[in-house]
Protein backbone atom coordinates (compact mmCIF):
# COMPACT_ATOMS: atom_id res chain seq x y z
CA MET A 1 -34.50 -32.87 39.36
CA CYS A 2 -37.88 -32.21 37.50
CA ARG A 3 -37.91 -29.68 34.34
CA LEU A 4 -40.75 -27.11 33.54
CA SER A 5 -41.45 -25.79 30.31
CA GLY A 6 -44.53 -23.86 28.49
CA TYR A 7 -45.74 -21.12 26.27
CA TYR A 8 -47.96 -18.06 26.12
CA ILE A 9 -49.48 -16.40 22.91
CA PRO A 10 -50.29 -12.93 23.39
CA ARG A 11 -51.76 -12.47 19.80
CA LYS A 12 -53.21 -15.95 19.18
CA ASN A 13 -53.93 -17.50 15.59
CA THR A 14 -53.68 -20.87 14.06
CA ALA A 15 -50.33 -20.44 12.88
CA ARG A 16 -48.80 -19.51 15.85
CA SER A 17 -50.49 -22.02 17.93
CA GLU A 18 -48.86 -24.78 15.52
CA GLU A 19 -45.35 -23.31 15.93
CA ALA A 20 -45.82 -22.97 19.76
CA LYS A 21 -46.99 -26.79 19.99
CA LYS A 22 -43.92 -27.49 17.67
CA ASN A 23 -41.62 -25.83 19.97
CA LEU A 24 -43.12 -27.22 23.30
CA ALA A 25 -42.82 -30.53 22.22
CA LYS A 26 -38.95 -29.90 21.43
CA LEU A 27 -38.47 -28.04 24.69
CA VAL A 28 -40.10 -30.86 26.97
CA ILE A 29 -37.97 -33.75 25.04
CA GLY A 30 -35.10 -31.26 25.26
CA GLN A 31 -35.43 -31.38 28.96
CA GLN A 32 -36.06 -34.89 29.60
CA LEU A 33 -32.68 -35.49 31.36
CA GLY A 34 -33.94 -33.41 34.36
CA GLY A 35 -36.72 -36.11 34.90
CA TYR A 36 -37.22 -39.38 32.98
CA ASP A 37 -40.21 -40.91 35.37
CA ALA A 38 -43.22 -39.40 34.25
CA THR A 39 -44.31 -36.44 31.72
CA GLY A 40 -47.56 -34.28 31.68
CA LEU A 41 -49.02 -31.20 30.27
CA ALA A 42 -52.10 -28.71 30.90
CA PHE A 43 -53.81 -25.78 29.45
CA VAL A 44 -57.37 -24.11 29.85
CA THR A 45 -60.01 -24.66 27.47
CA GLY A 46 -62.52 -22.33 28.75
CA PRO A 47 -63.70 -20.32 31.67
CA ALA A 48 -63.63 -22.72 34.62
CA LYS A 49 -62.65 -25.57 32.16
CA PHE A 50 -59.40 -27.33 31.75
CA TYR A 51 -57.66 -30.27 30.43
CA VAL A 52 -54.65 -32.27 31.98
CA LEU A 53 -52.87 -35.26 30.36
CA LYS A 54 -49.91 -37.04 32.25
CA GLU A 55 -48.25 -40.61 32.14
CA PRO A 56 -45.49 -42.36 34.09
CA ALA A 57 -43.47 -42.26 30.87
CA PRO A 58 -40.32 -40.08 29.64
CA ALA A 59 -40.89 -37.01 27.50
CA SER A 60 -39.96 -38.49 24.24
CA GLU A 61 -42.46 -41.37 24.49
CA PHE A 62 -45.29 -39.14 26.28
CA MET A 63 -45.12 -36.23 23.54
CA THR A 64 -45.03 -38.68 20.66
CA SER A 65 -48.00 -40.82 22.22
CA LYS A 66 -51.40 -41.11 20.48
CA ALA A 67 -53.00 -39.46 23.33
CA THR A 68 -50.65 -36.47 23.40
CA THR A 69 -50.65 -36.02 19.64
CA GLU A 70 -54.64 -36.15 19.46
CA ALA A 71 -54.54 -33.67 22.40
CA LEU A 72 -52.08 -31.39 20.76
CA LYS A 73 -54.09 -31.39 17.18
CA GLY A 74 -57.37 -30.90 18.58
CA ASN A 75 -56.66 -27.89 20.63
CA ASN A 76 -54.96 -24.35 20.11
CA PRO A 77 -54.78 -23.02 23.61
CA ARG A 78 -53.44 -19.84 24.32
CA CYS A 79 -50.99 -21.23 26.94
CA MET A 80 -49.84 -24.72 27.83
CA ILE A 81 -47.76 -25.71 30.61
CA ALA A 82 -45.69 -29.07 30.48
CA HIS A 83 -43.30 -30.94 33.16
CA CYS A 84 -40.95 -33.71 33.27
CA ARG A 85 -40.74 -35.47 36.59
CA ALA A 86 -37.83 -37.14 38.38
CA GLN A 87 -39.57 -39.23 41.13
CA THR A 88 -38.96 -38.52 44.71
CA LEU A 89 -42.06 -38.93 47.06
CA GLY A 90 -44.76 -40.83 45.46
CA ASP A 91 -44.58 -43.78 43.13
CA LYS A 92 -44.78 -42.66 39.53
CA ALA A 93 -47.20 -45.53 38.72
CA ASN A 94 -50.11 -43.57 40.93
CA ASN A 95 -50.59 -40.97 38.39
CA GLN A 96 -52.09 -38.51 40.95
CA ASN A 97 -48.52 -38.38 42.00
CA ASN A 98 -47.33 -36.95 38.81
CA HIS A 99 -47.41 -33.27 37.29
CA PRO A 100 -49.76 -31.26 36.34
CA HIS A 101 -51.44 -31.21 39.78
CA TYR A 102 -54.70 -29.61 40.00
CA THR A 103 -57.67 -28.84 42.41
CA LYS A 104 -61.37 -29.22 41.81
CA SER A 105 -61.50 -25.36 41.54
CA GLY A 106 -59.25 -25.18 38.76
CA ILE A 107 -56.00 -24.25 40.03
CA ILE A 108 -53.36 -26.17 38.07
CA THR A 109 -49.60 -26.18 39.06
CA ILE A 110 -46.50 -27.76 37.89
CA HIS A 111 -43.38 -27.77 40.38
CA ASN A 112 -39.46 -28.03 40.25
CA GLY A 113 -38.13 -28.36 43.94
CA MET A 114 -38.57 -30.15 47.31
CA ILE A 115 -41.01 -28.87 49.79
CA GLN A 116 -40.03 -29.69 53.69
CA ASN A 117 -43.09 -28.69 55.53
CA HIS A 118 -45.83 -30.19 53.23
CA ALA A 119 -47.04 -32.66 55.74
CA GLU A 120 -47.38 -29.81 58.43
CA LEU A 121 -49.19 -27.66 56.09
CA PHE A 122 -51.79 -30.12 55.22
CA THR A 123 -52.61 -30.66 58.82
CA GLN A 124 -52.44 -27.16 59.78
CA TYR A 125 -54.96 -25.93 57.20
CA LYS A 126 -57.00 -29.33 57.21
CA LEU A 127 -56.52 -29.84 53.76
CA HIS A 128 -57.75 -33.19 51.86
CA ARG A 129 -54.76 -35.17 50.31
CA ASP A 130 -55.13 -36.83 47.06
CA ALA A 131 -51.63 -37.83 46.42
CA GLU A 132 -48.23 -38.40 48.08
CA VAL A 133 -46.14 -36.11 46.55
CA ASP A 134 -44.72 -32.67 48.39
CA SER A 135 -45.90 -30.64 45.35
CA GLU A 136 -49.49 -31.01 45.95
CA ILE A 137 -49.66 -28.63 48.79
CA ILE A 138 -48.90 -25.76 46.35
CA GLY A 139 -52.43 -25.80 44.48
CA LYS A 140 -54.28 -26.74 47.78
CA LEU A 141 -52.74 -23.77 49.50
CA ILE A 142 -53.54 -21.33 46.63
CA GLU A 143 -57.06 -22.66 46.61
CA PHE A 144 -57.44 -22.15 50.43
CA TYR A 145 -56.35 -18.61 50.04
CA ARG A 146 -58.08 -17.55 47.00
CA PRO A 147 -61.65 -16.63 48.53
CA VAL A 148 -59.90 -14.30 51.15
CA CYS A 149 -57.38 -12.69 48.96
CA ALA A 150 -58.08 -9.79 46.25
CA ASP A 151 -57.02 -12.01 43.38
CA THR A 152 -54.82 -15.04 42.18
CA THR A 153 -51.53 -13.09 42.77
CA GLU A 154 -52.27 -12.23 46.05
CA ALA A 155 -53.14 -15.95 46.77
CA ILE A 156 -50.00 -17.22 45.25
CA GLN A 157 -48.00 -14.73 47.48
CA GLN A 158 -49.63 -16.10 50.54
CA ALA A 159 -49.22 -19.62 49.73
CA VAL A 160 -45.64 -19.18 48.81
CA LYS A 161 -44.66 -17.50 51.86
CA GLU A 162 -46.10 -20.92 53.93
CA ILE A 163 -43.84 -23.02 51.93
CA ARG A 164 -40.44 -24.13 53.33
CA GLY A 165 -38.10 -25.31 50.64
CA SER A 166 -37.34 -24.81 47.05
CA LEU A 167 -39.58 -23.43 44.45
CA ALA A 168 -39.95 -22.78 40.67
CA LEU A 169 -43.48 -23.14 39.46
CA ALA A 170 -45.80 -22.69 36.62
CA ILE A 171 -49.50 -21.89 37.57
CA LEU A 172 -53.15 -21.70 35.56
CA ASP A 173 -56.18 -20.75 37.18
CA ALA A 174 -59.10 -22.06 35.25
CA HIS A 175 -61.17 -18.86 35.80
CA GLU A 176 -58.72 -16.75 34.29
CA PRO A 177 -58.26 -18.44 30.79
CA ASP A 178 -55.83 -15.88 29.44
CA THR A 179 -53.39 -15.69 32.29
CA LEU A 180 -50.11 -17.59 33.23
CA TYR A 181 -48.20 -17.24 36.34
CA LEU A 182 -44.67 -18.08 36.62
CA VAL A 183 -42.82 -18.08 40.11
CA ARG A 184 -39.05 -18.29 40.97
CA ARG A 185 -38.05 -18.43 44.55
CA GLU A 186 -34.81 -20.48 44.47
CA ASN A 187 -34.81 -23.06 41.49
CA ASP A 188 -33.98 -22.20 37.93
CA LEU A 189 -36.74 -20.60 35.74
CA SER A 190 -36.16 -18.67 32.33
CA ILE A 191 -38.34 -16.92 30.10
CA ALA A 192 -37.99 -16.11 26.18
CA LEU A 193 -39.87 -13.92 23.67
CA ASP A 194 -39.98 -14.50 20.13
CA ARG A 195 -39.98 -11.05 18.67
CA ASP A 196 -41.27 -11.77 15.23
CA SER A 197 -44.02 -14.29 16.26
CA GLU A 198 -44.60 -12.83 19.86
CA ILE A 199 -44.83 -15.94 21.29
CA ILE A 200 -43.47 -16.08 24.95
CA TYR A 201 -41.71 -19.59 26.21
CA PHE A 202 -40.49 -20.59 29.33
CA ALA A 203 -38.29 -23.46 30.54
CA THR A 204 -36.22 -24.50 33.54
CA GLU A 205 -33.06 -24.47 31.36
CA ALA A 206 -32.18 -21.26 29.29
CA ASP A 207 -29.60 -23.24 27.36
CA THR A 208 -32.59 -25.44 26.18
CA LEU A 209 -34.85 -22.47 25.50
CA ALA A 210 -31.60 -21.08 23.12
CA GLU A 211 -31.04 -24.43 21.58
CA ILE A 212 -34.71 -24.69 20.46
CA LEU A 213 -35.43 -21.19 19.41
CA ILE A 214 -32.23 -19.91 18.16
CA LYS A 215 -31.52 -21.23 14.61
CA ARG A 216 -28.10 -21.71 13.46
CA VAL A 217 -26.52 -23.01 10.05
CA THR A 218 -23.11 -24.64 10.28
CA TYR A 219 -20.49 -24.30 7.39
CA MET A 220 -17.74 -26.85 6.72
CA GLY A 221 -18.59 -28.78 9.86
CA PHE A 222 -17.12 -25.87 11.96
CA PHE A 223 -18.56 -22.41 11.53
CA THR A 224 -21.50 -21.49 12.87
CA ARG A 225 -23.94 -18.58 12.06
CA THR A 226 -27.26 -17.41 13.62
CA THR A 227 -29.93 -17.13 11.14
CA ASN A 228 -32.18 -15.24 13.28
CA PRO A 229 -30.14 -12.65 15.17
CA GLY A 230 -32.04 -10.41 17.57
CA ARG A 231 -35.27 -12.11 17.04
CA ILE A 232 -35.08 -14.16 20.21
CA ILE A 233 -34.68 -12.52 23.89
CA ILE A 234 -34.05 -14.91 26.82
CA GLN A 235 -33.63 -13.84 30.26
CA GLU A 236 -33.63 -15.56 33.75
CA ILE A 237 -36.64 -14.65 35.88
CA PRO A 238 -35.09 -12.92 38.97
CA VAL A 239 -34.86 -15.00 42.04
CA GLY A 240 -37.84 -14.16 44.46
CA CYS A 241 -39.94 -12.92 41.61
CA GLY A 242 -43.29 -13.94 40.42
CA LEU A 243 -44.67 -13.03 36.66
CA LYS A 244 -48.46 -12.68 35.83
CA ILE A 245 -48.60 -13.05 31.96
CA THR A 246 -51.64 -11.66 30.34
CA ARG A 247 -52.28 -10.66 26.69
CA SER A 248 -51.00 -6.87 26.91
CA LYS A 249 -48.39 -7.27 29.73
CA ILE A 250 -46.09 -8.87 32.23
CA THR A 251 -46.71 -7.83 35.88
CA ALA A 252 -43.84 -8.84 38.26
CA PHE A 253 -44.90 -9.19 41.97
CA GLU A 254 -42.29 -9.83 45.03
CA LEU A 255 -42.41 -13.18 47.02
CA GLU A 256 -41.33 -14.02 50.55
CA SER A 257 -39.93 -16.91 52.26
CA PRO A 258 -41.62 -18.41 55.22
CA PRO A 259 -40.70 -16.84 58.60
CA SER A 260 -38.83 -20.08 59.82
CA VAL A 261 -36.29 -21.76 57.84
CA TRP A 262 -33.63 -24.06 59.21
CA GLY A 263 -30.15 -24.27 57.94
CA ALA A 264 -29.58 -25.58 54.39
CA HIS A 265 -30.99 -28.27 52.57
CA TYR A 266 -29.88 -30.58 49.64
CA TYR A 267 -31.64 -31.33 46.56
CA GLY A 268 -30.64 -32.43 43.05
CA GLY A 269 -26.90 -32.15 43.72
CA ALA A 270 -27.41 -28.23 44.70
CA ILE A 271 -27.14 -26.94 48.31
CA VAL A 272 -29.34 -23.97 48.86
CA ALA A 273 -28.50 -21.73 52.10
CA HIS A 274 -31.19 -20.23 54.04
CA LYS A 275 -30.98 -17.42 56.61
CA GLN A 276 -31.62 -18.89 60.07
CA LYS A 277 -34.40 -16.95 61.94
CA GLN A 278 -34.10 -18.49 65.40
CA ASP A 279 -36.46 -15.95 66.95
CA LYS A 280 -39.15 -17.39 64.97
CA ILE A 281 -38.82 -20.88 65.16
CA GLU A 282 -40.60 -21.91 68.27
CA ALA A 283 -40.85 -18.85 70.41
CA TRP A 284 -44.28 -17.17 69.38
CA ASP A 285 -44.87 -17.26 73.30
CA GLU A 286 -41.85 -14.80 73.90
CA PRO A 287 -42.52 -11.21 74.27
CA ILE A 288 -41.52 -9.29 70.81
CA ARG A 289 -41.58 -6.13 73.02
CA PRO A 290 -42.00 -6.09 76.69
CA GLU A 291 -45.47 -5.23 76.84
CA PHE A 292 -46.41 -7.69 74.22
CA LYS A 293 -47.01 -11.46 74.38
CA SER A 294 -48.68 -13.42 71.49
CA THR A 295 -51.04 -15.29 73.97
CA ASP A 296 -52.68 -12.21 74.76
CA PRO A 297 -55.57 -11.25 72.52
CA ILE A 298 -55.55 -8.41 69.91
CA LYS A 299 -58.71 -6.33 69.53
CA LYS A 300 -57.12 -3.54 67.37
CA PRO A 301 -54.58 -4.85 64.84
CA SER A 302 -53.66 -1.70 63.54
CA ARG A 303 -51.89 -0.86 66.78
CA PHE A 304 -49.31 -3.91 66.69
CA THR A 305 -46.47 -4.44 64.42
CA THR A 306 -46.81 -7.12 61.66
CA GLU A 307 -44.33 -9.26 63.27
CA GLU A 308 -46.31 -9.32 66.33
CA LEU A 309 -49.75 -9.94 64.55
CA GLN A 310 -48.02 -13.10 62.79
CA ALA A 311 -46.85 -14.23 66.07
CA ARG A 312 -50.19 -14.04 67.31
CA ARG A 313 -51.55 -15.65 64.37
CA GLU A 314 -49.28 -18.44 64.32
CA TRP A 315 -50.39 -18.85 68.09
CA LEU A 316 -53.89 -19.11 67.53
CA ALA A 317 -52.93 -21.79 64.34
CA LYS A 318 -51.55 -23.72 67.10
CA LEU A 319 -54.86 -23.86 69.27
CA GLU A 320 -56.74 -24.65 66.11
CA ILE A 321 -55.05 -27.78 65.22
CA LYS A 322 -55.89 -29.02 68.81
CA LYS A 323 -59.72 -28.15 68.73
CA PRO A 324 -62.13 -25.75 67.22
CA LEU A 325 -61.78 -22.18 68.34
CA PRO A 326 -64.88 -20.15 69.93
CA GLN A 327 -66.31 -17.50 67.83
CA ALA A 328 -64.24 -14.67 69.25
CA LEU A 329 -61.02 -15.96 68.44
CA GLU A 330 -62.33 -16.66 65.07
CA VAL A 331 -63.30 -12.98 64.43
CA GLU A 332 -59.98 -11.86 65.87
CA ILE A 333 -57.93 -14.32 63.27
CA LYS A 334 -59.97 -12.78 60.45
CA ARG A 335 -59.12 -9.21 61.53
CA LEU A 336 -55.32 -10.17 61.99
CA GLU A 337 -55.19 -11.76 58.45
CA GLN A 338 -56.90 -8.91 56.88
CA THR A 339 -54.47 -6.50 58.47
CA ILE A 340 -51.43 -8.66 57.48
CA ILE A 341 -52.66 -9.05 53.76
CA ALA A 342 -53.36 -5.20 53.17
CA ARG A 343 -49.72 -4.19 55.03
CA GLU A 344 -48.09 -6.67 52.52
CA LYS A 345 -50.20 -5.29 49.42
CA LEU A 346 -48.88 -1.95 50.58
CA SER A 347 -45.41 -2.96 50.98
CA SER A 348 -44.91 -4.80 47.76
CA GLN A 349 -46.32 -2.81 44.91
CA THR A 350 -45.94 -4.37 41.76
CA THR A 351 -43.66 -3.49 39.11
CA LEU A 352 -44.18 -3.76 35.39
CA ILE A 353 -41.68 -5.38 32.95
CA TYR A 354 -42.18 -5.57 29.37
CA PRO A 355 -40.23 -8.34 27.57
CA TYR A 356 -43.74 -8.05 25.43
CA ASP A 357 -45.60 -4.81 25.27
CA GLY A 358 -47.96 -5.42 22.24
CA VAL A 359 -46.17 -3.41 19.93
CA ARG A 360 -44.16 -4.83 16.99
CA GLU A 361 -40.54 -3.38 16.26
CA SER A 362 -41.56 -2.26 13.14
CA GLU A 363 -44.56 -0.09 14.51
CA ARG A 364 -42.46 1.92 16.73
CA GLY A 365 -41.72 5.42 16.06
């Protein structure tokens, strides 16, 4: 159900751009079995500027259309993301339902998976809905959190933590023209490095990456030999991991699931089991410790556990839906959120990994 693909060029020049665009077209078409209903692509053209092209057509038609051909010929972006859609919610004839999705501030997202609580999140955070699909909530939530977070990475972590369902994502922020974010919480997502051209590719299916990037010759219609052995490195992104890809490095960051997830859900022929946390489903008003209730105000967040702060925040969120909160509670919410975010930042220090470290093999000592 749906397929993601794209590329990132750390050392960009015209030859590498042409190679990357050529391979991307093959990747998108090679994955169209995962989504025949619509295809789209997006890239950042400059600070706060981006380009999105999508149509309700299969990849084989979309990637060879006049509009796509002209877009690829006239632009050489450092990074491009693409999507093959299998229609679930939202009619493909309404192009706003197709991927990539984007916000006014320039958060561009493509998604593979299903989100169970999208309607609740749109209501809870009073977000405007432009389409009918569940995937739209991802970019809107990142945009919502971005002003109160330290950076886009933290905004993505906060948004993903709210989402109940399955996720594999590629994200661009138009205010960060040289950055690509990849997210894998449940669904498949793999990344590849061409060590000669130093181009990074990603796709839902690792087999498609191998088929497109690893070159082989066949003898006598039977014997097969790889002509670029060791040139292509392919690996799965770990489950529960996000990647921030820039020109010099790849930074991994941790992802969390929402505090309440019910049972198991079925999607695309696969069953994803989730641990049930019944104590956090609808029991925010129950004591977490004898002297604490989420209905009681919290004036000094540092004296409370993170679970207690989250419980209080959830209780106030219920009140927000019903009517505007008084100033004192708005101030309390801000203090709660700042404390929670600070603690999460400390508990999930980023780890660096280096599929690409800016040094060619021939330059190593």
